[in-house]
Amino acid sequence: MLRSMHDLEDYTIAATDGDIGEVKDFYFDNDAWVIRYFVVETGDWLASRKVLITPLAIQRPEWALRRLHVAITKEQVKCSPDIDTDKPISRQHEMKYLGYYSYPYYWAGIYPGGFGLPGSQVQEENAREQSAKAERARHADDDPNLRSCKAVIGYHIKATDGEVGHVESLLIDEETWAIQYLVINTSNWWLGHKVLIAPEWIDGIRWLDKSVTVDLDCASIKASPPYDSSHQLNRERESNLYNHYGRTGYWLIETVIEREK
């Protein structure tokens, strides 16, 4: 199921021993278009500090109660690396954070740490740790491509032949945390409606002039199926959208890839 970014704001993040705080923003990877971290405001118990929580920690969501239970403790959060969420997050910050929680380096598939491994795997883990150290050195100066979801709200959409609207929200897959669509409001350009644009149709994002360029023309966007948030976005509606643009649905591509494995 897809959920609006705005609907996910203020969700409570619950540790194994109490509430951590509420979601205030998301950091997404603008290369893979996947949510990498929640920005969580902790409230009074931790002096209203903002902390990062990865979706990897989610153990059990309670959608009706707007709560996401995570497999970490409040003490772990309290002692976690202090990262200024108001500034760009560097690769070094990510390595420190992921290493602290023993989470995988998503950009390389390297798993830091080796806590709780049986003795038969110690030698293998030592080799893996050496590989992780080498990986840290290789990626120390990488651009992590992390961007704030809130920051892109309001960005202008530039089609191949003009501007057509602005980003109003993002639709996020609750299982994979992939950003499946950008919700575009076209009403300031014509007496239009809200439409959806998939990340794979985006040519690039210009952060300085706050715009998103897409490989679509104005007429096709204007004529695309309208998006109504009160109606569930089912596969039929998605198929109509992709067919309108003459594109292959991502679910069909995923099926082919799965068969080829």
Protein backbone atom coordinates (compact mmCIF):
# COMPACT_ATOMS: atom_id res chain seq x y z
CA MET A 1 0.00 0.00 0.00
CA LEU A 2 1.15 3.55 -0.76
CA ARG A 3 1.06 6.22 1.91
CA SER A 4 1.42 9.96 1.56
CA MET A 5 4.48 11.54 3.10
CA HIS A 6 2.19 14.02 4.84
CA ASP A 7 0.15 11.18 6.35
CA LEU A 8 3.31 9.63 7.79
CA GLU A 9 4.39 12.82 9.52
CA ASP A 10 3.89 12.79 13.30
CA TYR A 11 3.81 8.99 13.42
CA THR A 12 5.10 7.81 16.80
CA ILE A 13 8.30 5.76 16.78
CA ALA A 14 8.07 3.27 19.65
CA ALA A 15 11.17 1.57 21.07
CA THR A 16 11.01 -1.74 22.90
CA ASP A 17 10.85 0.13 26.22
CA GLY A 18 8.89 3.29 25.42
CA ASP A 19 8.22 5.97 22.84
CA ILE A 20 11.18 7.63 21.15
CA GLY A 21 9.34 10.51 19.52
CA GLU A 22 7.49 11.61 16.40
CA VAL A 23 8.49 11.60 12.73
CA LYS A 24 9.07 15.13 11.42
CA ASP A 25 10.84 14.51 8.12
CA PHE A 26 12.46 11.85 5.95
CA TYR A 27 15.81 11.59 4.23
CA PHE A 28 15.60 9.92 0.86
CA ASP A 29 18.28 8.69 -1.52
CA ASN A 30 17.72 10.74 -4.66
CA ASP A 31 19.61 8.15 -6.71
CA ALA A 32 17.52 5.12 -5.69
CA TRP A 33 14.43 7.10 -4.55
CA VAL A 34 14.18 5.19 -1.28
CA ILE A 35 13.62 6.50 2.24
CA ARG A 36 16.84 5.88 4.18
CA TYR A 37 16.04 7.59 7.50
CA PHE A 38 13.22 9.06 9.55
CA VAL A 39 14.03 12.33 11.29
CA VAL A 40 12.46 11.88 14.72
CA GLU A 41 11.94 14.61 17.31
CA THR A 42 12.39 13.00 20.71
CA GLY A 43 10.59 15.47 22.92
CA ASP A 44 11.37 16.24 26.56
CA TRP A 45 12.88 12.87 27.50
CA LEU A 46 15.94 13.67 25.35
CA ALA A 47 15.83 17.48 25.38
CA SER A 48 13.88 17.55 22.09
CA ARG A 49 16.90 16.21 20.25
CA LYS A 50 16.33 15.11 16.66
CA VAL A 51 17.62 11.63 15.86
CA LEU A 52 17.77 9.40 12.81
CA ILE A 53 15.91 6.09 12.74
CA THR A 54 16.32 3.77 9.77
CA PRO A 55 13.33 1.85 8.38
CA LEU A 56 15.53 -1.25 8.84
CA ALA A 57 14.71 -1.01 12.54
CA ILE A 58 10.93 -1.33 12.06
CA GLN A 59 9.67 -4.47 13.73
CA ARG A 60 5.92 -3.96 13.67
CA PRO A 61 3.81 -1.14 12.24
CA GLU A 62 0.45 -0.22 13.71
CA TRP A 63 -0.99 1.84 10.89
CA ALA A 64 -4.37 2.47 12.51
CA LEU A 65 -2.69 3.83 15.65
CA ARG A 66 -0.04 5.75 13.67
CA ARG A 67 2.78 3.93 15.46
CA LEU A 68 5.90 2.23 14.15
CA HIS A 69 7.52 -0.18 16.59
CA VAL A 70 11.30 -0.48 16.19
CA ALA A 71 13.69 -3.13 17.51
CA ILE A 72 15.89 -0.75 19.50
CA THR A 73 15.82 0.66 23.04
CA LYS A 74 15.59 4.23 24.27
CA GLU A 75 19.05 3.85 25.80
CA GLN A 76 20.46 2.94 22.39
CA VAL A 77 18.89 6.05 20.93
CA LYS A 78 20.20 8.17 23.80
CA CYS A 79 23.76 6.95 23.21
CA SER A 80 23.55 7.02 19.41
CA PRO A 81 25.86 9.31 17.40
CA ASP A 82 24.71 12.91 17.62
CA ILE A 83 24.02 14.01 14.03
CA ASP A 84 22.87 17.53 13.20
CA THR A 85 19.81 16.86 11.07
CA ASP A 86 19.67 20.52 10.02
CA LYS A 87 22.89 20.08 8.04
CA PRO A 88 23.79 17.74 5.14
CA ILE A 89 24.55 14.21 6.33
CA SER A 90 27.94 13.01 5.13
CA ARG A 91 28.95 9.45 4.31
CA GLN A 92 31.13 9.51 7.44
CA HIS A 93 28.05 10.33 9.53
CA GLU A 94 26.17 7.44 7.96
CA MET A 95 29.02 5.01 8.58
CA LYS A 96 29.20 6.06 12.22
CA TYR A 97 25.44 5.71 12.63
CA LEU A 98 25.09 2.37 10.82
CA GLY A 99 28.17 0.98 12.56
CA TYR A 100 26.74 1.92 15.96
CA TYR A 101 23.56 -0.08 15.31
CA SER A 102 25.32 -2.82 13.28
CA TYR A 103 23.13 -2.08 10.26
CA PRO A 104 24.24 -2.83 6.68
CA TYR A 105 25.88 -0.24 4.46
CA TYR A 106 23.09 -0.04 1.91
CA TRP A 107 25.38 1.45 -0.75
CA ALA A 108 27.74 -1.54 -0.76
CA GLY A 109 26.00 -4.45 0.95
CA ILE A 110 28.63 -4.52 3.72
CA TYR A 111 27.48 -5.43 7.20
CA PRO A 112 29.53 -3.81 9.99
CA GLY A 113 29.96 -5.52 13.33
CA GLY A 114 29.45 -9.14 14.18
CA PHE A 115 27.66 -9.25 17.48
CA GLY A 116 26.08 -12.50 18.58
CA LEU A 117 27.62 -14.69 15.89
CA PRO A 118 28.28 -18.37 16.67
CA GLY A 119 31.93 -19.43 16.92
CA SER A 120 31.87 -21.22 13.55
CA GLN A 121 31.34 -17.87 11.84
CA VAL A 122 34.02 -15.85 13.64
CA GLN A 123 36.66 -16.33 10.95
CA GLU A 124 34.21 -15.39 8.24
CA GLU A 125 33.15 -12.32 10.19
CA ASN A 126 36.76 -11.23 10.70
CA ALA A 127 37.24 -11.28 6.94
CA ARG A 128 33.99 -9.37 6.52
CA GLU A 129 35.12 -6.76 9.04
CA GLN A 130 38.34 -6.25 7.10
CA SER A 131 36.27 -5.81 3.98
CA ALA A 132 34.07 -3.31 5.81
CA LYS A 133 37.12 -1.28 6.86
CA ALA A 134 38.33 -1.18 3.28
CA GLU A 135 34.83 -0.17 2.17
CA ARG A 136 34.77 2.67 4.69
CA ALA A 137 38.03 3.99 3.30
CA ARG A 138 36.82 3.76 -0.30
CA HIS A 139 33.55 5.56 0.38
CA ALA A 140 34.72 8.12 2.93
CA ASP A 141 34.35 11.02 0.49
CA ASP A 142 31.23 9.83 -1.34
CA ASP A 143 28.21 12.06 -1.83
CA PRO A 144 25.46 10.12 -0.01
CA ASN A 145 22.74 11.67 -2.19
CA LEU A 146 20.50 12.16 0.84
CA ARG A 147 17.84 14.83 0.62
CA SER A 148 15.02 16.00 2.85
CA CYS A 149 11.54 15.05 1.66
CA LYS A 150 10.16 18.28 3.07
CA ALA A 151 12.73 20.26 1.12
CA VAL A 152 11.42 19.10 -2.28
CA ILE A 153 7.83 20.06 -1.52
CA GLY A 154 7.04 23.07 -3.68
CA TYR A 155 9.72 22.34 -6.29
CA HIS A 156 8.57 23.32 -9.79
CA ILE A 157 8.07 20.60 -12.37
CA LYS A 158 9.71 21.39 -15.70
CA ALA A 159 8.47 19.34 -18.63
CA THR A 160 10.30 19.20 -21.96
CA ASP A 161 8.36 22.25 -23.17
CA GLY A 162 7.54 24.29 -20.07
CA GLU A 163 6.51 24.28 -16.42
CA VAL A 164 3.43 22.33 -15.41
CA GLY A 165 3.08 22.34 -11.63
CA HIS A 166 4.84 21.84 -8.33
CA VAL A 167 5.54 18.94 -5.99
CA GLU A 168 2.81 18.68 -3.37
CA SER A 169 3.62 15.35 -1.74
CA LEU A 170 5.34 12.00 -2.16
CA LEU A 171 3.71 8.56 -2.15
CA ILE A 172 5.74 5.97 -0.28
CA ASP A 173 5.49 2.18 -0.39
CA GLU A 174 4.89 1.03 3.20
CA GLU A 175 6.74 -2.26 2.66
CA THR A 176 9.86 -1.20 0.74
CA TRP A 177 9.91 2.51 1.72
CA ALA A 178 10.50 3.35 -1.92
CA ILE A 179 9.14 6.65 -3.20
CA GLN A 180 6.75 5.38 -5.84
CA TYR A 181 5.31 8.69 -7.06
CA LEU A 182 5.51 12.45 -6.77
CA VAL A 183 2.12 14.11 -6.39
CA ILE A 184 2.06 17.15 -8.68
CA ASN A 185 -0.36 20.05 -8.24
CA THR A 186 -1.02 21.67 -11.63
CA SER A 187 -3.67 24.20 -10.56
CA ASN A 188 -1.36 27.24 -10.73
CA TRP A 189 -0.57 26.58 -14.40
CA TRP A 190 -4.06 25.84 -15.68
CA LEU A 191 -7.44 24.91 -14.25
CA GLY A 192 -6.00 21.49 -13.66
CA HIS A 193 -5.80 18.79 -11.08
CA LYS A 194 -3.29 16.67 -9.23
CA VAL A 195 -1.32 14.12 -11.24
CA LEU A 196 1.33 11.52 -10.49
CA ILE A 197 4.87 11.32 -11.86
CA ALA A 198 7.09 8.30 -11.21
CA PRO A 199 10.77 8.84 -10.31
CA GLU A 200 11.90 6.88 -13.38
CA TRP A 201 10.44 9.65 -15.58
CA ILE A 202 12.62 12.28 -13.89
CA ASP A 203 15.68 13.54 -15.76
CA GLY A 204 17.14 15.39 -12.80
CA ILE A 205 16.66 17.66 -9.82
CA ARG A 206 18.11 21.17 -9.76
CA TRP A 207 18.60 21.93 -6.11
CA LEU A 208 19.69 25.54 -6.60
CA ASP A 209 16.63 26.66 -8.56
CA LYS A 210 14.32 24.20 -6.80
CA SER A 211 13.01 22.39 -9.84
CA VAL A 212 12.48 18.84 -11.11
CA THR A 213 12.91 18.16 -14.82
CA VAL A 214 10.89 15.33 -16.34
CA ASP A 215 11.02 13.46 -19.64
CA LEU A 216 7.39 14.31 -20.43
CA ASP A 217 5.70 17.13 -22.32
CA CYS A 218 3.09 19.52 -20.95
CA ALA A 219 0.22 18.17 -23.03
CA SER A 220 0.72 14.58 -21.88
CA ILE A 221 0.92 15.64 -18.23
CA LYS A 222 -2.19 17.78 -18.60
CA ALA A 223 -4.09 14.84 -20.12
CA SER A 224 -2.83 12.24 -17.65
CA PRO A 225 -5.25 10.47 -15.28
CA PRO A 226 -6.04 12.73 -12.31
CA TYR A 227 -4.96 11.67 -8.84
CA ASP A 228 -7.57 11.66 -6.11
CA SER A 229 -6.18 10.89 -2.66
CA SER A 230 -9.63 9.78 -1.46
CA HIS A 231 -9.49 6.79 -3.83
CA GLN A 232 -7.10 3.90 -3.30
CA LEU A 233 -4.36 3.80 -5.91
CA ASN A 234 -4.81 0.22 -7.07
CA ARG A 235 -3.01 -1.63 -9.84
CA GLU A 236 -5.70 -0.77 -12.39
CA ARG A 237 -5.20 2.96 -11.82
CA GLU A 238 -1.43 2.54 -11.95
CA SER A 239 -1.74 0.60 -15.21
CA ASN A 240 -3.85 3.39 -16.70
CA LEU A 241 -1.20 5.91 -15.71
CA TYR A 242 1.71 3.96 -17.22
CA ASN A 243 -0.29 3.14 -20.35
CA HIS A 244 -1.07 6.82 -20.80
CA TYR A 245 2.64 7.59 -21.00
CA GLY A 246 3.47 4.46 -22.98
CA ARG A 247 5.74 3.17 -20.21
CA THR A 248 6.20 -0.32 -18.80
CA GLY A 249 4.88 -0.70 -15.28
CA TYR A 250 7.53 -1.16 -12.59
CA TRP A 251 5.67 -4.26 -11.33
CA LEU A 252 6.17 -5.93 -14.73
CA ILE A 253 9.87 -5.10 -14.74
CA GLU A 254 10.23 -6.47 -11.20
CA THR A 255 8.51 -9.71 -12.31
CA VAL A 256 10.96 -10.16 -15.20
CA ILE A 257 13.96 -9.52 -12.95
CA GLU A 258 12.66 -12.01 -10.38
CA ARG A 259 12.25 -14.70 -13.05
CA GLU A 260 15.78 -14.15 -14.31
CA LYS A 261 17.35 -14.69 -10.91
